C-alpha atoms as a PDB file:
ATOM      1  CA  MET A   1      76.404 -24.598 -72.838  1.00  0.00           C
ATOM      2  CA  ALA A   2      73.509 -23.712 -70.534  1.00  0.00           C
ATOM      3  CA  ARG A   3      72.059 -26.299 -68.227  1.00  0.00           C
ATOM      4  CA  PRO A   4      68.624 -27.589 -69.344  1.00  0.00           C
ATOM      5  CA  ARG A   5      65.688 -26.171 -67.417  1.00  0.00           C
ATOM      6  CA  LYS A   6      64.229 -28.558 -64.830  1.00  0.00           C
ATOM      7  CA  CYS A   7      60.465 -29.170 -64.931  1.00  0.00           C
ATOM      8  CA  ARG A   8      58.617 -28.166 -61.795  1.00  0.00           C
ATOM      9  CA  LYS A   9      56.088 -30.531 -60.177  1.00  0.00           C
ATOM     10  CA  VAL A  10      52.542 -29.189 -60.141  1.00  0.00           C
ATOM     11  CA  CYS A  11      49.769 -31.016 -58.287  1.00  0.00           C
ATOM     12  CA  HIS A  12      46.899 -29.924 -60.519  1.00  0.00           C
ATOM     13  CA  LEU A  13      46.016 -27.389 -63.151  1.00  0.00           C
ATOM     14  CA  PRO A  14      43.960 -24.344 -62.120  1.00  0.00           C
ATOM     15  CA  VAL A  15      40.180 -24.618 -62.469  1.00  0.00           C
ATOM     16  CA  GLU A  16      39.900 -21.075 -63.821  1.00  0.00           C
ATOM     17  CA  LYS A  17      42.518 -20.142 -66.397  1.00  0.00           C
ATOM     18  CA  GLU A  18      41.587 -16.518 -67.039  1.00  0.00           C
ATOM     19  CA  PHE A  19      40.618 -13.566 -64.861  1.00  0.00           C
ATOM     20  CA  ARG A  20      39.278 -10.469 -66.599  1.00  0.00           C
ATOM     21  CA  PRO A  21      38.361  -7.186 -64.895  1.00  0.00           C
ATOM     22  CA  LEU A  22      35.096  -5.511 -65.823  1.00  0.00           C
ATOM     23  CA  GLY A  23      35.815  -2.637 -68.169  1.00  0.00           C
ATOM     24  CA  GLY A  24      39.533  -3.373 -68.070  1.00  0.00           C
ATOM     25  CA  SER A  25      42.226  -3.105 -70.694  1.00  0.00           C
ATOM     26  CA  ASP A  26      42.444  -5.373 -73.742  1.00  0.00           C
ATOM     27  CA  LYS A  27      46.013  -6.189 -72.710  1.00  0.00           C
ATOM     28  CA  SER A  28      46.820  -9.363 -70.813  1.00  0.00           C
ATOM     29  CA  ILE A  29      49.557 -10.877 -68.673  1.00  0.00           C
ATOM     30  CA  THR A  30      50.362 -14.583 -68.706  1.00  0.00           C
ATOM     31  CA  LEU A  31      51.088 -16.352 -65.438  1.00  0.00           C
ATOM     32  CA  SER A  32      52.745 -19.728 -66.022  1.00  0.00           C
ATOM     33  CA  VAL A  33      51.304 -22.840 -64.377  1.00  0.00           C
ATOM     34  CA  ASP A  34      54.407 -23.231 -62.200  1.00  0.00           C
ATOM     35  CA  GLU A  35      54.047 -19.610 -61.052  1.00  0.00           C
ATOM     36  CA  TYR A  36      50.395 -20.331 -60.207  1.00  0.00           C
ATOM     37  CA  GLU A  37      51.499 -23.385 -58.203  1.00  0.00           C
ATOM     38  CA  ALA A  38      54.024 -21.338 -56.213  1.00  0.00           C
ATOM     39  CA  ILE A  39      51.322 -18.781 -55.344  1.00  0.00           C
ATOM     40  CA  ARG A  40      48.909 -21.593 -54.417  1.00  0.00           C
ATOM     41  CA  LEU A  41      51.406 -23.329 -52.158  1.00  0.00           C
ATOM     42  CA  ILE A  42      52.885 -20.258 -50.445  1.00  0.00           C
ATOM     43  CA  ASP A  43      49.977 -17.809 -50.237  1.00  0.00           C
ATOM     44  CA  TYR A  44      46.958 -20.144 -50.237  1.00  0.00           C
ATOM     45  CA  GLN A  45      48.309 -23.219 -48.443  1.00  0.00           C
ATOM     46  CA  GLY A  46      50.693 -21.278 -46.167  1.00  0.00           C
ATOM     47  CA  PHE A  47      53.871 -23.151 -47.095  1.00  0.00           C
ATOM     48  CA  SER A  48      57.307 -21.641 -46.608  1.00  0.00           C
ATOM     49  CA  GLN A  49      59.421 -21.112 -49.702  1.00  0.00           C
ATOM     50  CA  GLU A  50      61.536 -24.067 -48.618  1.00  0.00           C
ATOM     51  CA  GLU A  51      58.482 -26.347 -48.338  1.00  0.00           C
ATOM     52  CA  CYS A  52      57.202 -25.086 -51.686  1.00  0.00           C
ATOM     53  CA  ALA A  53      60.564 -25.870 -53.271  1.00  0.00           C
ATOM     54  CA  GLY A  54      60.427 -29.411 -51.878  1.00  0.00           C
ATOM     55  CA  TYR A  55      56.989 -30.068 -53.336  1.00  0.00           C
ATOM     56  CA  MET A  56      57.866 -28.560 -56.699  1.00  0.00           C
ATOM     57  CA  HIS A  57      61.199 -30.455 -56.806  1.00  0.00           C
ATOM     58  CA  VAL A  58      63.319 -27.325 -57.290  1.00  0.00           C
ATOM     59  CA  ALA A  59      65.909 -25.429 -55.251  1.00  0.00           C
ATOM     60  CA  ARG A  60      64.656 -22.893 -52.700  1.00  0.00           C
ATOM     61  CA  THR A  61      66.202 -20.041 -54.701  1.00  0.00           C
ATOM     62  CA  THR A  62      64.337 -21.222 -57.805  1.00  0.00           C
ATOM     63  CA  ALA A  63      61.062 -21.365 -55.854  1.00  0.00           C
ATOM     64  CA  GLN A  64      61.739 -17.817 -54.636  1.00  0.00           C
ATOM     65  CA  GLN A  65      62.345 -16.612 -58.221  1.00  0.00           C
ATOM     66  CA  ILE A  66      59.158 -18.294 -59.461  1.00  0.00           C
ATOM     67  CA  TYR A  67      57.146 -16.820 -56.571  1.00  0.00           C
ATOM     68  CA  ASN A  68      58.532 -13.289 -56.998  1.00  0.00           C
ATOM     69  CA  SER A  69      57.846 -13.369 -60.735  1.00  0.00           C
ATOM     70  CA  ALA A  70      54.258 -14.517 -60.113  1.00  0.00           C
ATOM     71  CA  ARG A  71      53.581 -11.806 -57.521  1.00  0.00           C
ATOM     72  CA  GLY A  72      54.928  -9.135 -59.864  1.00  0.00           C
ATOM     73  CA  LYS A  73      52.668 -10.308 -62.697  1.00  0.00           C
ATOM     74  CA  ILE A  74      49.601 -10.440 -60.454  1.00  0.00           C
ATOM     75  CA  ALA A  75      50.328  -6.936 -59.142  1.00  0.00           C
ATOM     76  CA  ARG A  76      50.749  -5.549 -62.680  1.00  0.00           C
ATOM     77  CA  ALA A  77      47.468  -7.163 -63.780  1.00  0.00           C
ATOM     78  CA  LEU A  78      45.556  -5.744 -60.798  1.00  0.00           C
ATOM     79  CA  VAL A  79      47.006  -2.237 -60.940  1.00  0.00           C
ATOM     80  CA  ALA A  80      46.719  -1.879 -64.727  1.00  0.00           C
ATOM     81  CA  GLY A  81      43.323  -3.613 -64.995  1.00  0.00           C
ATOM     82  CA  MET A  82      44.686  -6.277 -67.323  1.00  0.00           C
ATOM     83  CA  THR A  83      43.442  -9.799 -68.024  1.00  0.00           C
ATOM     84  CA  LEU A  84      45.432 -12.484 -66.181  1.00  0.00           C
ATOM     85  CA  ARG A  85      45.845 -15.776 -68.057  1.00  0.00           C
ATOM     86  CA  ILE A  86      47.313 -18.943 -66.563  1.00  0.00           C
ATOM     87  CA  GLU A  87      49.019 -21.159 -69.130  1.00  0.00           C
ATOM     88  CA  GLY A  88      52.333 -22.648 -70.176  1.00  0.00           C
ATOM     89  CA  GLY A  89      55.567 -23.001 -68.252  1.00  0.00           C
ATOM     90  CA  ASP A  90      58.015 -25.786 -67.503  1.00  0.00           C
ATOM     91  CA  TYR A  91      56.053 -28.216 -65.365  1.00  0.00           C
ATOM     92  CA  THR A  92      55.001 -31.817 -64.965  1.00  0.00           C
ATOM     93  CA  LEU A  93      51.789 -32.877 -63.275  1.00  0.00           C
ATOM     94  CA  CYS A  94      52.072 -34.940 -60.108  1.00  0.00           C
ATOM     95  CA  ASP A  95      51.910 -38.622 -60.989  1.00  0.00           C
ATOM     96  CA  GLY A  96      50.756 -39.697 -57.505  1.00  0.00           C
ATOM     97  CA  GLN A  97      53.771 -41.981 -57.038  1.00  0.00           C
ATOM     98  CA  GLU A  98      55.017 -40.275 -53.888  1.00  0.00           C
ATOM     99  CA  ASP A  99      54.105 -41.884 -50.564  1.00  0.00           C
ATOM    100  CA  PHE A 100      52.678 -38.684 -49.115  1.00  0.00           C
ATOM    101  CA  CYS A 101      51.593 -35.359 -50.523  1.00  0.00           C
ATOM    102  CA  ALA A 102      50.439 -32.696 -48.056  1.00  0.00           C
ATOM    103  CA  CYS A 103      50.031 -29.916 -50.591  1.00  0.00           C
ATOM    104  CA  GLY A 104      46.252 -30.303 -50.622  1.00  0.00           C
ATOM    105  CA  GLY A 105      45.984 -30.172 -54.378  1.00  0.00           C
ATOM    106  CA  CYS A 106      46.974 -33.490 -55.882  1.00  0.00           C
ATOM    107  CA  HIS A 107      43.862 -35.210 -57.235  1.00  0.00           C
ATOM    108  CA  LYS A 108      45.442 -38.669 -57.077  1.00  0.00           C
ATOM    109  CA  HIS A 109      46.429 -38.377 -53.416  1.00  0.00           C
ATOM    110  CA  ARG A 110      43.129 -36.753 -52.412  1.00  0.00           C
ATOM    111  CA  ARG A 111      41.150 -39.492 -54.140  1.00  0.00           C
ATOM    112  CA  ALA A 112      43.183 -42.186 -52.333  1.00  0.00           C
ATOM    113  CA  ALA A 113      42.571 -40.442 -48.994  1.00  0.00           C
ATOM    114  CA  GLY A 114      38.821 -40.230 -49.689  1.00  0.00           C
ATOM    115  CA  MET A 115      38.870 -36.428 -49.756  1.00  0.00           C
ATOM    116  CA  ASN A 116      36.400 -34.363 -51.779  1.00  0.00           C
ATOM    117  CA  ILE A 117      37.773 -33.369 -55.168  1.00  0.00           C
ATOM    118  CA  ASP A 118      36.845 -29.919 -56.479  1.00  0.00           C
END
């Protein structure tokens, strides 16, 4: 029997959930929320894959698989002029119960620190 899939921690949902090229194809690619989070942490925040794995509560190899899948989908959407949708996936939103969260995205931790919330 296969092991149940572990939910990945995500600090917040994306503000924009769809990106559509002008004059592009009617086809679309779906990027899961956990794939979005891996891209956000590694490419936008500058985390290593190991740090990303720690924040998402998964193994480093799992974080690497999520990240590679996300980059492949983004590349296909850009090259083929397809709509990119962000939805679904196996994730849980951060509950703010951790003592410290340096990912820069958790609304509960940013609010407690008095930081501006997008």
